[in-house]
Protein backbone atom coordinates (compact mmCIF):
# COMPACT_ATOMS: atom_id res chain seq x y z
CA UNK A 1 7.81 23.89 -10.72
CA UNK A 2 7.69 20.16 -10.05
CA UNK A 3 4.62 18.04 -9.67
CA UNK A 4 1.49 19.44 -8.10
CA UNK A 5 -0.94 17.21 -6.28
CA UNK A 6 -4.18 18.17 -4.58
CA UNK A 7 -4.29 17.42 -0.88
CA UNK A 8 -7.72 17.09 0.70
CA UNK A 9 -7.50 18.34 4.25
CA UNK A 10 -9.89 16.92 6.88
CA UNK A 11 -12.08 19.35 8.83
CA UNK A 12 -10.03 18.71 11.98
CA UNK A 13 -6.90 20.16 10.37
CA UNK A 14 -8.42 23.05 8.45
CA UNK A 15 -7.65 25.51 11.21
CA UNK A 16 -4.00 24.95 10.28
CA UNK A 17 -4.66 25.48 6.55
CA UNK A 18 -6.63 28.72 7.02
CA UNK A 19 -9.88 26.86 6.49
CA UNK A 20 -8.86 25.44 3.11
CA UNK A 21 -10.18 21.99 2.26
CA UNK A 22 -8.07 21.53 -0.88
CA UNK A 23 -4.43 22.53 -0.93
CA UNK A 24 -2.10 22.22 -3.89
CA UNK A 25 1.28 20.77 -2.96
CA UNK A 26 4.46 20.01 -4.85
CA UNK A 27 6.29 16.74 -4.45
CA UNK A 28 7.39 13.53 -6.10
CA UNK A 29 6.56 11.39 -3.04
CA UNK A 30 4.13 11.58 -0.14
CA UNK A 31 7.06 12.64 2.07
CA UNK A 32 7.81 15.57 -0.29
CA UNK A 33 4.17 16.59 -0.28
CA UNK A 34 4.17 16.57 3.54
CA UNK A 35 7.29 18.76 3.46
CA UNK A 36 5.63 21.25 1.17
CA UNK A 37 2.46 21.15 3.26
CA UNK A 38 4.55 21.91 6.35
CA UNK A 39 6.36 24.76 4.56
CA UNK A 40 3.02 26.33 3.62
CA UNK A 41 1.25 25.56 6.91
CA UNK A 42 3.77 25.23 9.75
CA UNK A 43 2.65 22.82 12.46
CA UNK A 44 0.58 20.54 10.25
CA UNK A 45 3.25 17.85 10.08
CA UNK A 46 3.31 17.44 13.87
CA UNK A 47 -0.36 16.55 13.68
CA UNK A 48 0.24 13.98 10.97
CA UNK A 49 3.56 12.46 12.02
CA UNK A 50 5.09 11.23 15.25
CA UNK A 51 8.53 12.17 16.57
CA UNK A 52 10.20 9.70 14.20
CA UNK A 53 8.57 11.23 11.15
CA UNK A 54 6.28 8.23 10.75
CA UNK A 55 2.61 8.81 9.94
CA UNK A 56 0.63 8.59 13.17
CA UNK A 57 -1.37 5.39 13.63
CA UNK A 58 -4.71 7.16 13.59
CA UNK A 59 -3.99 9.06 10.37
CA UNK A 60 -4.59 7.34 7.04
CA UNK A 61 -3.21 8.80 3.85
CA UNK A 62 -4.50 7.78 0.44
CA UNK A 63 -3.08 8.56 -2.98
CA UNK A 64 -5.87 8.27 -5.55
CA UNK A 65 -7.94 6.11 -3.17
CA UNK A 66 -5.03 3.74 -2.38
CA UNK A 67 -3.90 3.49 1.24
CA UNK A 68 -0.17 4.31 1.31
CA UNK A 69 0.28 1.68 4.05
CA UNK A 70 -0.20 -0.94 1.33
CA UNK A 71 2.05 0.95 -1.06
CA UNK A 72 5.43 2.49 -0.20
CA UNK A 73 4.33 4.51 2.82
CA UNK A 74 5.69 8.06 2.69
CA UNK A 75 7.90 6.92 -0.19
CA UNK A 76 4.81 6.36 -2.35
CA UNK A 77 5.25 8.33 -5.54
CA UNK A 78 2.97 11.19 -6.41
CA UNK A 79 2.22 12.37 -9.93
CA UNK A 80 0.88 15.62 -11.27
CA UNK A 81 -2.82 15.86 -10.59
CA UNK A 82 -2.94 13.06 -8.03
CA UNK A 83 -5.38 13.42 -5.18
CA UNK A 84 -4.01 12.90 -1.71
CA UNK A 85 -6.54 12.30 1.00
CA UNK A 86 -5.72 12.72 4.68
CA UNK A 87 -8.20 10.79 6.78
CA UNK A 88 -8.06 10.82 10.57
CA UNK A 89 -9.45 7.59 11.98
CA UNK A 90 -11.66 8.84 14.76
CA UNK A 91 -11.31 6.57 17.77
CA UNK A 92 -14.09 6.09 20.29
CA UNK A 93 -17.57 7.58 20.48
CA UNK A 94 -18.83 10.95 21.68
């Protein structure tokens, strides 16, 4: 087995992860983790990425509290035990 990181899934996406809030995923980079998330929960990547495989504008991903937009994007490296947070930026009011 490679590296395992914990991915914190937002409430909006938990219907895809069978209601799980924390999912363990393998991967050396954020992109790898998204691959392994998609393998375990088909369809989740479409909600996180656009047609070009880029993270959607309204989705923020953090590795250990650091926004990957200010790091290496999906190439940001992930180590064993890292916490990956997926945070949808909710636009607009009710």
